[in-house]
Protein backbone atom coordinates (compact mmCIF):
# COMPACT_ATOMS: atom_id res chain seq x y z
CA MET A 1 -14.43 72.18 5.59
CA LYS A 2 -11.42 74.16 6.76
CA GLN A 3 -7.94 73.64 5.36
CA GLU A 4 -6.61 72.50 8.73
CA HIS A 5 -9.21 69.76 8.96
CA ILE A 6 -8.45 68.47 5.44
CA ILE A 7 -4.75 68.31 6.24
CA GLU A 8 -5.51 66.54 9.53
CA ILE A 9 -7.52 63.86 7.71
CA MET A 10 -4.75 63.29 5.18
CA GLN A 11 -2.09 63.14 7.87
CA ARG A 12 -4.12 60.53 9.73
CA VAL A 13 -4.37 58.38 6.59
CA VAL A 14 -0.65 58.62 5.91
CA LYS A 15 0.27 57.79 9.50
CA THR A 16 -2.10 54.81 9.55
CA GLU A 17 -0.65 53.38 6.36
CA MET A 18 2.93 54.00 7.51
CA SER A 19 2.19 52.09 10.69
CA GLU A 20 0.78 49.15 8.74
CA ILE A 21 3.78 49.10 6.41
CA GLU A 22 6.16 48.94 9.38
CA ARG A 23 4.39 45.79 10.58
CA ILE A 24 5.61 44.01 7.44
CA LEU A 25 9.18 44.08 8.78
CA ALA A 26 8.42 41.54 11.50
CA ARG A 27 6.94 39.17 8.90
CA LEU A 28 10.04 38.91 6.74
CA ASP A 29 10.98 35.43 7.86
CA GLN A 30 11.98 32.02 6.52
CA LYS A 31 8.68 31.66 4.66
CA THR A 32 9.41 34.88 2.84
CA VAL A 33 12.85 33.61 1.85
CA GLU A 34 11.30 30.34 0.63
CA ALA A 35 8.77 32.22 -1.48
CA VAL A 36 11.42 34.44 -3.08
CA LYS A 37 13.78 31.55 -3.76
CA LEU A 38 10.92 29.56 -5.22
CA MET A 39 10.06 32.36 -7.63
CA ALA A 40 13.73 32.93 -8.47
CA SER A 41 14.12 29.27 -9.48
CA CYS A 42 10.86 29.17 -11.44
CA GLN A 43 11.34 27.48 -14.80
CA GLY A 44 8.23 29.07 -16.23
CA LYS A 45 6.64 32.40 -15.37
CA ILE A 46 5.06 33.99 -12.32
CA VAL A 47 1.28 34.16 -12.67
CA VAL A 48 -0.14 36.85 -10.39
CA ALA A 49 -3.86 36.54 -9.72
CA GLY A 50 -6.21 39.05 -8.18
CA VAL A 51 -9.76 40.35 -8.27
CA GLY A 52 -11.51 43.56 -7.26
CA LYS A 53 -9.30 46.11 -5.54
CA ASN A 54 -6.45 43.57 -5.50
CA MET A 55 -6.46 43.42 -9.30
CA PRO A 56 -4.44 46.62 -9.95
CA ILE A 57 -1.94 45.52 -7.31
CA ALA A 58 -1.50 42.22 -9.14
CA GLN A 59 -1.18 44.01 -12.49
CA LYS A 60 1.44 46.37 -11.08
CA MET A 61 3.37 43.40 -9.69
CA VAL A 62 3.34 41.77 -13.13
CA ALA A 63 4.63 44.97 -14.74
CA THR A 64 7.40 45.30 -12.15
CA LEU A 65 8.47 41.67 -12.52
CA ASN A 66 8.54 41.82 -16.32
CA SER A 67 10.58 45.02 -16.27
CA THR A 68 13.15 43.62 -13.86
CA GLY A 69 13.91 40.29 -15.46
CA THR A 70 11.22 37.91 -14.15
CA PRO A 71 8.63 36.83 -16.75
CA ALA A 72 5.12 37.28 -15.36
CA GLN A 73 1.48 37.37 -16.44
CA PHE A 74 -1.71 38.60 -14.83
CA LEU A 75 -4.70 36.33 -14.20
CA HIS A 76 -8.11 37.72 -13.34
CA ALA A 77 -9.44 35.30 -10.75
CA GLY A 78 -13.00 35.86 -11.96
CA GLU A 79 -12.07 34.89 -15.51
CA ALA A 80 -9.95 31.88 -14.56
CA LEU A 81 -12.82 29.42 -15.03
CA HIS A 82 -13.82 30.95 -18.35
CA GLY A 83 -10.74 30.05 -20.37
CA ASP A 84 -7.98 32.13 -18.78
CA LEU A 85 -6.63 29.10 -16.90
CA GLY A 86 -5.03 28.23 -20.21
CA LEU A 87 -2.29 30.77 -19.58
CA ILE A 88 -0.97 28.71 -16.65
CA ASN A 89 1.63 26.02 -17.33
CA LYS A 90 2.82 23.21 -15.07
CA ASN A 91 6.16 24.89 -14.43
CA ASP A 92 4.60 28.25 -13.50
CA ILE A 93 4.30 29.60 -9.97
CA CYS A 94 1.09 31.38 -9.00
CA LEU A 95 0.99 34.29 -6.58
CA VAL A 96 -2.62 34.91 -5.54
CA ILE A 97 -3.42 38.25 -3.87
CA SER A 98 -6.56 38.60 -1.77
CA LYS A 99 -7.33 40.52 1.39
CA SER A 100 -9.96 38.14 2.72
CA GLY A 101 -8.89 35.01 0.85
CA ASN A 102 -12.52 33.93 0.90
CA THR A 103 -14.18 35.73 -2.01
CA ALA A 104 -16.38 33.67 -4.31
CA GLU A 105 -14.02 34.21 -7.24
CA ILE A 106 -11.04 32.93 -5.25
CA ARG A 107 -12.90 29.93 -3.80
CA ASN A 108 -14.22 28.92 -7.21
CA ALA A 109 -10.96 29.33 -9.12
CA LEU A 110 -8.39 28.21 -6.57
CA PRO A 111 -8.64 24.41 -6.96
CA SER A 112 -8.13 24.68 -10.72
CA ILE A 113 -5.32 27.24 -10.33
CA LYS A 114 -3.49 25.03 -7.85
CA GLN A 115 -3.89 21.99 -10.08
CA SER A 116 -2.56 23.88 -13.13
CA CYS A 117 0.64 25.36 -11.66
CA ASP A 118 3.75 24.10 -9.91
CA LYS A 119 3.41 25.97 -6.61
CA LEU A 120 0.90 28.42 -5.16
CA ILE A 121 1.85 31.37 -2.95
CA ALA A 122 -0.82 33.31 -1.09
CA LEU A 123 -0.46 37.00 -0.24
CA THR A 124 -3.45 37.49 2.00
CA GLY A 125 -4.77 39.49 4.89
CA ASN A 126 -6.39 36.39 6.39
CA THR A 127 -3.96 33.60 7.19
CA GLN A 128 -6.87 31.31 8.16
CA SER A 129 -8.75 31.82 4.91
CA TYR A 130 -9.66 29.33 2.18
CA LEU A 131 -6.81 30.72 0.08
CA ALA A 132 -4.29 30.35 2.90
CA THR A 133 -5.22 26.77 3.70
CA HIS A 134 -4.70 25.74 0.06
CA ALA A 135 -1.43 27.63 -0.51
CA ASP A 136 2.05 26.13 -0.42
CA ILE A 137 3.43 29.30 1.18
CA ILE A 138 1.49 32.03 3.01
CA LEU A 139 2.66 35.65 3.14
CA ASP A 140 0.87 37.67 5.82
CA ALA A 141 -0.55 40.92 4.44
CA SER A 142 -3.02 41.54 7.23
CA VAL A 143 -3.69 45.03 8.59
CA GLU A 144 -5.09 46.20 11.90
CA LYS A 145 -7.19 48.87 10.25
CA GLU A 146 -7.85 50.56 6.97
CA ALA A 147 -7.18 54.27 6.73
CA GLY A 148 -10.23 56.49 7.10
CA VAL A 149 -12.79 56.96 9.85
CA GLU A 150 -15.24 54.22 8.81
CA GLN A 151 -12.54 51.91 7.35
CA LEU A 152 -14.73 51.04 4.40
CA ALA A 153 -12.43 51.44 1.40
CA PRO A 154 -9.35 49.22 0.98
CA THR A 155 -6.48 51.59 1.73
CA SER A 156 -3.95 50.23 4.20
CA SER A 157 -4.54 46.71 2.90
CA THR A 158 -3.78 47.54 -0.72
CA THR A 159 -0.77 49.64 0.31
CA VAL A 160 0.62 46.72 2.32
CA GLN A 161 0.05 44.38 -0.64
CA LEU A 162 1.88 46.80 -2.92
CA VAL A 163 4.86 47.08 -0.57
CA TRP A 164 5.01 43.30 -0.20
CA CYS A 165 5.06 42.94 -3.99
CA ASP A 166 7.75 45.59 -4.43
CA ALA A 167 9.92 43.94 -1.78
CA ILE A 168 9.59 40.53 -3.47
CA ALA A 169 10.27 41.95 -6.94
CA MET A 170 13.38 43.85 -5.83
CA ALA A 171 14.72 40.79 -4.02
CA LEU A 172 14.25 38.76 -7.22
CA LYS A 173 16.00 41.48 -9.18
CA GLU A 174 19.06 41.25 -6.93
CA ILE A 175 19.11 37.46 -6.90
CA LYS A 176 19.11 37.46 -10.70
CA ASN A 177 21.80 40.16 -10.80
CA PHE A 178 19.55 42.30 -13.00
CA ARG A 179 21.38 45.56 -13.71
CA SER A 180 20.87 48.92 -15.40
CA ALA A 181 21.89 47.69 -18.84
CA ASP A 182 19.34 44.87 -18.61
CA PHE A 183 16.66 47.32 -17.52
CA GLY A 184 17.46 49.59 -20.45
CA LYS A 185 16.99 46.74 -22.94
CA LEU A 186 13.46 46.19 -21.65
CA HIS A 187 12.60 49.92 -21.66
CA PRO A 188 13.91 51.19 -24.99
CA GLY A 189 11.14 53.69 -25.65
CA GLY A 190 11.05 55.82 -22.53
CA SER A 191 13.45 58.44 -21.29
CA LEU A 192 14.98 56.06 -18.75
CA GLY A 193 15.39 53.35 -21.36
CA LYS A 194 17.21 55.75 -23.65
CA GLN A 195 19.41 56.85 -20.78
CA LEU A 196 20.42 53.27 -20.08
CA SER A 197 20.76 51.76 -23.54
CA TRP A 198 20.85 54.25 -26.41
CA ARG A 199 24.23 54.88 -27.98
CA VAL A 200 25.52 57.86 -29.93
CA ALA A 201 24.94 55.96 -33.19
CA ASP A 202 21.23 55.65 -32.33
CA ILE A 203 20.65 59.39 -32.60
CA LEU A 204 23.42 60.41 -34.98
CA ASP A 205 22.28 61.99 -38.25
CA ALA A 206 24.93 60.69 -40.61
CA ASP A 207 23.50 62.76 -43.47
CA HIS A 208 24.73 65.92 -41.73
CA ALA A 209 28.48 65.64 -41.24
CA PRO A 210 29.77 69.16 -42.04
CA GLN A 211 33.43 69.25 -43.00
CA VAL A 212 36.05 71.19 -44.95
CA GLN A 213 39.61 70.44 -45.92
CA SER A 214 42.35 72.26 -44.02
CA THR A 215 43.14 74.25 -47.17
CA ALA A 216 39.57 75.46 -47.60
CA SER A 217 38.97 79.21 -47.92
CA ILE A 218 37.04 81.16 -45.31
CA ARG A 219 34.16 81.40 -47.77
CA GLU A 220 34.06 77.61 -47.94
CA VAL A 221 34.17 77.43 -44.16
CA ILE A 222 31.23 79.82 -43.87
CA SER A 223 29.31 77.80 -46.45
CA SER A 224 29.92 74.57 -44.52
CA LEU A 225 28.82 76.12 -41.24
CA SER A 226 25.70 77.51 -42.88
CA SER A 227 24.78 74.23 -44.52
CA GLY A 228 24.89 72.36 -41.23
CA ARG A 229 22.74 72.91 -38.17
CA TYR A 230 25.27 72.51 -35.40
CA GLY A 231 27.36 75.69 -35.68
CA ILE A 232 30.45 73.56 -36.21
CA THR A 233 32.38 71.95 -39.04
CA ALA A 234 35.19 69.43 -38.96
CA VAL A 235 38.51 70.36 -40.50
CA MET A 236 40.03 67.44 -42.42
CA GLU A 237 43.31 66.51 -44.04
CA LYS A 238 42.14 63.86 -46.47
CA ASP A 239 40.14 61.52 -44.18
CA GLU A 240 41.70 62.53 -40.88
CA ILE A 241 40.23 65.04 -38.44
CA VAL A 242 42.75 67.75 -37.62
CA GLY A 243 40.49 70.36 -36.06
CA VAL A 244 37.09 72.03 -35.82
CA ILE A 245 35.75 75.45 -36.59
CA THR A 246 32.75 76.89 -34.79
CA ASP A 247 30.72 80.05 -35.15
CA GLY A 248 32.75 81.36 -32.23
CA ASP A 249 35.99 80.79 -34.12
CA LEU A 250 34.66 82.92 -36.97
CA ARG A 251 33.84 85.77 -34.60
CA ARG A 252 37.28 85.59 -33.02
CA MET A 253 38.85 85.59 -36.52
CA LEU A 254 37.05 88.81 -37.43
CA GLU A 255 38.25 90.41 -34.20
CA LYS A 256 41.86 89.33 -34.81
CA TYR A 257 42.33 89.86 -38.56
CA GLU A 258 41.49 92.90 -40.66
CA ASP A 259 42.24 91.07 -43.92
CA ILE A 260 40.89 87.51 -44.10
CA SER A 261 41.39 86.99 -47.82
CA GLY A 262 44.57 84.95 -47.35
CA LEU A 263 43.33 82.78 -44.50
CA PHE A 264 42.54 79.08 -44.71
CA ALA A 265 40.53 76.74 -42.52
CA SER A 266 43.64 75.48 -40.73
CA ASP A 267 44.53 79.05 -39.71
CA ILE A 268 41.44 79.54 -37.56
CA ALA A 269 40.67 75.95 -36.52
CA THR A 270 40.78 74.62 -33.00
CA HIS A 271 43.14 71.68 -33.19
CA SER A 272 42.88 68.35 -31.33
CA PRO A 273 39.07 68.55 -31.04
CA LYS A 274 37.01 66.41 -28.69
CA THR A 275 35.65 63.26 -30.34
CA ILE A 276 33.48 60.38 -29.19
CA SER A 277 32.90 56.87 -30.47
CA ALA A 278 29.56 56.14 -32.10
CA ASN A 279 29.32 53.07 -29.86
CA THR A 280 29.46 55.12 -26.65
CA LEU A 281 26.31 55.53 -24.58
CA ALA A 282 24.56 58.74 -25.52
CA LYS A 283 24.32 59.80 -21.88
CA GLU A 284 28.12 59.70 -21.75
CA ALA A 285 28.23 62.11 -24.68
CA LEU A 286 26.10 64.56 -22.73
CA ARG A 287 28.32 64.11 -19.67
CA GLN A 288 31.42 64.95 -21.70
CA ILE A 289 29.75 67.96 -23.32
CA ASN A 290 28.93 69.29 -19.86
CA GLN A 291 32.38 68.42 -18.49
CA TYR A 292 34.27 70.18 -21.27
CA LYS A 293 31.76 73.04 -21.42
CA ILE A 294 31.31 72.68 -25.17
CA GLY A 295 28.25 72.45 -27.38
CA GLN A 296 29.15 69.54 -29.65
CA LEU A 297 31.30 66.46 -30.09
CA LEU A 298 32.62 64.98 -33.32
CA VAL A 299 31.53 61.37 -33.73
CA VAL A 300 33.93 58.74 -35.04
CA ASN A 301 33.82 55.01 -35.73
CA GLU A 302 36.18 52.30 -34.48
CA ASP A 303 38.74 53.32 -37.11
CA ASN A 304 38.55 56.96 -36.00
CA GLN A 305 36.79 57.95 -39.21
CA TYR A 306 34.56 61.01 -39.00
CA LEU A 307 30.82 60.21 -38.99
CA GLY A 308 29.08 63.39 -37.91
CA VAL A 309 28.21 65.65 -34.99
CA ILE A 310 26.26 65.15 -31.79
CA ASP A 311 25.23 68.23 -29.86
CA PHE A 312 23.79 69.29 -26.52
CA HIS A 313 20.39 70.34 -27.86
CA GLY A 314 19.88 67.12 -29.79
CA LEU A 315 20.66 65.03 -26.74
CA THR A 316 18.38 66.93 -24.37
CA LYS A 317 15.60 66.96 -26.96
CA GLU A 318 15.74 63.16 -27.00
CA GLY A 319 15.29 63.12 -23.24
CA PHE A 320 18.85 62.60 -22.05
CA TYR A 321 19.83 64.32 -18.83
CA ALA A 322 22.95 64.85 -16.79
CA GLU A 323 23.47 62.51 -13.85
């Protein structure tokens, strides 16, 4: 098969599915609003049921709801009569997804599902189906045709179901005023979760806080820089930060002075260094590092006491990125 023909097939599939998605717009009516408001006011959880090719759509909806502030759980319609009905409580709302609405699994499980939950919402491609006639609210997910010449595999229908679910989930998210900070709390392990919730203190290595007193000799400065791994050391007067010395400061010292025997840390330090609170979001630390065109920031606590160093490489290694 020639390249042009393969591309033509794929273009036809994309255009077909795009056309079916656009048809959803006309179906966003009062019933849709009722369904969303019903789910937003749910005192329990949203149980999303599916079977066959609808099952991964239902599972994805559950994942999206849970990650955006709406508790949800997946129910395999085929397993509902074999003990899984126990996950449904009286104050739960069930969203049942089925293209035909007439499969054996749906017909067998639906009476028990409806009896177990508060309200039942149908997302179906057949508004005259068994599922539709038993639902409290019907959402029309019908399609004129599946993508592909013979229209055998569910394609447009599952895409439409997915878009319906995303639209519902995002509407719920807005109604509940679910924001970035909330999202970060539910996604602490991934890169996005870190970006939204991790603070400087979460990645700070407090065991490596290189420092010298302002009266330290150059030898002591070199020793402090060598013992650390950031190429920087804080210059202190007792417990107060008065400056920093970097590898670059040492190079500039050697270019400026022929005799360094009488120099002290304060003589070559950069004064009024950039600092950041340990309670600041780590992504903000990276933003400041990029803004000031520096490699590190000194980390301090609420009392402005020196805690350590956070640097560009450590932040990017943990998955933080500039926005």
